[in-house]
Amino acid sequence: MALELALAALFGGAGGLLRAIVGVFKAIKEKKKLDVKHFLLTALFGVLIGMVTGMLLNFFDWRLPFISGYAGTDVLEGIVKIFKSGKAYGLITKK
């Protein structure tokens, strides 16, 4: 169990790290300043999301934590952007 959790964290982190690297290339392309804190947080959340995915599912397949680490950090970044833009209030209060 501990080995599976460690591997889930490793692959989740790899997915999150890949997402962070894609962000670095995007920043370079758009000639923006690299935010090291954001890069490290993206990788950290990839590890955490990969670990949670590995714990919630009772089997281990390296692809699921990897994809979860990549996509999970992407989703979280999207949510943060919505709240920072101030548009979240309208989304939350709509009926």
Protein backbone atom coordinates (compact mmCIF):
# COMPACT_ATOMS: atom_id res chain seq x y z
CA MET A 1 0.00 0.00 0.00
CA ALA A 2 2.77 2.46 0.89
CA LEU A 3 4.62 1.67 -2.34
CA GLU A 4 1.45 2.20 -4.40
CA LEU A 5 0.83 5.53 -2.65
CA ALA A 6 4.42 6.62 -3.27
CA LEU A 7 4.14 5.65 -6.94
CA ALA A 8 0.80 7.47 -7.24
CA ALA A 9 2.46 10.57 -5.74
CA LEU A 10 5.40 10.20 -8.13
CA PHE A 11 3.23 9.93 -11.23
CA GLY A 12 0.80 12.57 -10.00
CA GLY A 13 3.75 14.85 -9.42
CA ALA A 14 5.09 14.05 -12.88
CA GLY A 15 1.73 15.05 -14.37
CA GLY A 16 1.67 18.26 -12.34
CA LEU A 17 5.27 18.98 -13.26
CA LEU A 18 4.49 18.47 -16.93
CA ARG A 19 1.58 20.93 -16.57
CA ALA A 20 3.94 23.41 -14.90
CA ILE A 21 6.49 23.00 -17.72
CA VAL A 22 3.77 23.65 -20.30
CA GLY A 23 3.01 26.84 -18.36
CA VAL A 24 6.68 27.85 -18.52
CA PHE A 25 6.75 27.40 -22.29
CA LYS A 26 3.53 29.40 -22.57
CA ALA A 27 5.06 32.21 -20.47
CA ILE A 28 8.19 32.20 -22.65
CA LYS A 29 6.09 32.31 -25.81
CA GLU A 30 4.04 35.23 -24.46
CA LYS A 31 7.23 36.89 -23.14
CA LYS A 32 5.93 36.92 -19.57
CA LYS A 33 8.02 36.76 -16.43
CA LEU A 34 8.40 33.27 -14.96
CA ASP A 35 6.66 32.90 -11.58
CA VAL A 36 8.72 30.32 -9.66
CA LYS A 37 6.19 30.20 -6.78
CA HIS A 38 3.39 29.35 -9.22
CA PHE A 39 5.58 26.70 -10.86
CA LEU A 40 6.34 25.02 -7.52
CA LEU A 41 2.71 25.18 -6.35
CA THR A 42 1.58 23.53 -9.58
CA ALA A 43 4.01 20.65 -9.07
CA LEU A 44 3.01 20.33 -5.38
CA PHE A 45 -0.70 20.18 -6.21
CA GLY A 46 0.09 17.55 -8.86
CA VAL A 47 1.67 15.36 -6.17
CA LEU A 48 -1.27 15.89 -3.81
CA ILE A 49 -3.90 15.20 -6.47
CA GLY A 50 -2.01 12.08 -7.58
CA MET A 51 -1.81 10.83 -3.99
CA VAL A 52 -5.51 11.40 -3.38
CA THR A 53 -6.39 9.65 -6.63
CA GLY A 54 -4.18 6.71 -5.65
CA MET A 55 -5.79 6.50 -2.20
CA LEU A 56 -9.38 6.77 -3.43
CA LEU A 57 -8.98 3.97 -5.92
CA ASN A 58 -7.99 0.59 -4.57
CA PHE A 59 -5.89 -0.32 -7.59
CA PHE A 60 -2.86 1.22 -9.17
CA ASP A 61 -2.49 2.18 -12.78
CA TRP A 62 0.20 4.83 -13.36
CA ARG A 63 -1.84 6.60 -16.03
CA LEU A 64 -4.64 7.71 -13.73
CA PRO A 65 -2.49 9.62 -11.17
CA PHE A 66 -0.44 11.10 -14.04
CA ILE A 67 -3.53 12.38 -15.85
CA SER A 68 -5.08 13.51 -12.56
CA GLY A 69 -1.93 15.44 -11.65
CA TYR A 70 -1.94 17.18 -15.03
CA ALA A 71 -5.64 17.83 -15.43
CA GLY A 72 -6.32 18.49 -11.75
CA THR A 73 -3.84 21.34 -11.58
CA ASP A 74 -5.23 22.71 -14.85
CA VAL A 75 -8.76 22.72 -13.41
CA LEU A 76 -7.60 24.37 -10.18
CA GLU A 77 -5.78 27.08 -12.13
CA GLY A 78 -8.94 27.75 -14.13
CA ILE A 79 -11.01 28.08 -10.96
CA VAL A 80 -8.48 30.48 -9.43
CA LYS A 81 -8.54 32.63 -12.59
CA ILE A 82 -12.34 32.82 -12.45
CA PHE A 83 -12.31 33.96 -8.83
CA LYS A 84 -9.48 36.44 -9.42
CA SER A 85 -11.36 37.99 -12.34
CA GLY A 86 -14.40 38.67 -10.16
CA LYS A 87 -16.71 36.74 -12.48
CA ALA A 88 -17.27 33.94 -9.97
CA TYR A 89 -20.02 35.79 -8.11
CA GLY A 90 -22.30 35.72 -11.13
CA LEU A 91 -21.62 32.02 -11.67
CA ILE A 92 -22.40 31.15 -8.07
CA THR A 93 -25.58 33.23 -7.72
CA LYS A 94 -27.24 32.37 -11.06
CA LYS A 95 -30.37 30.25 -10.79
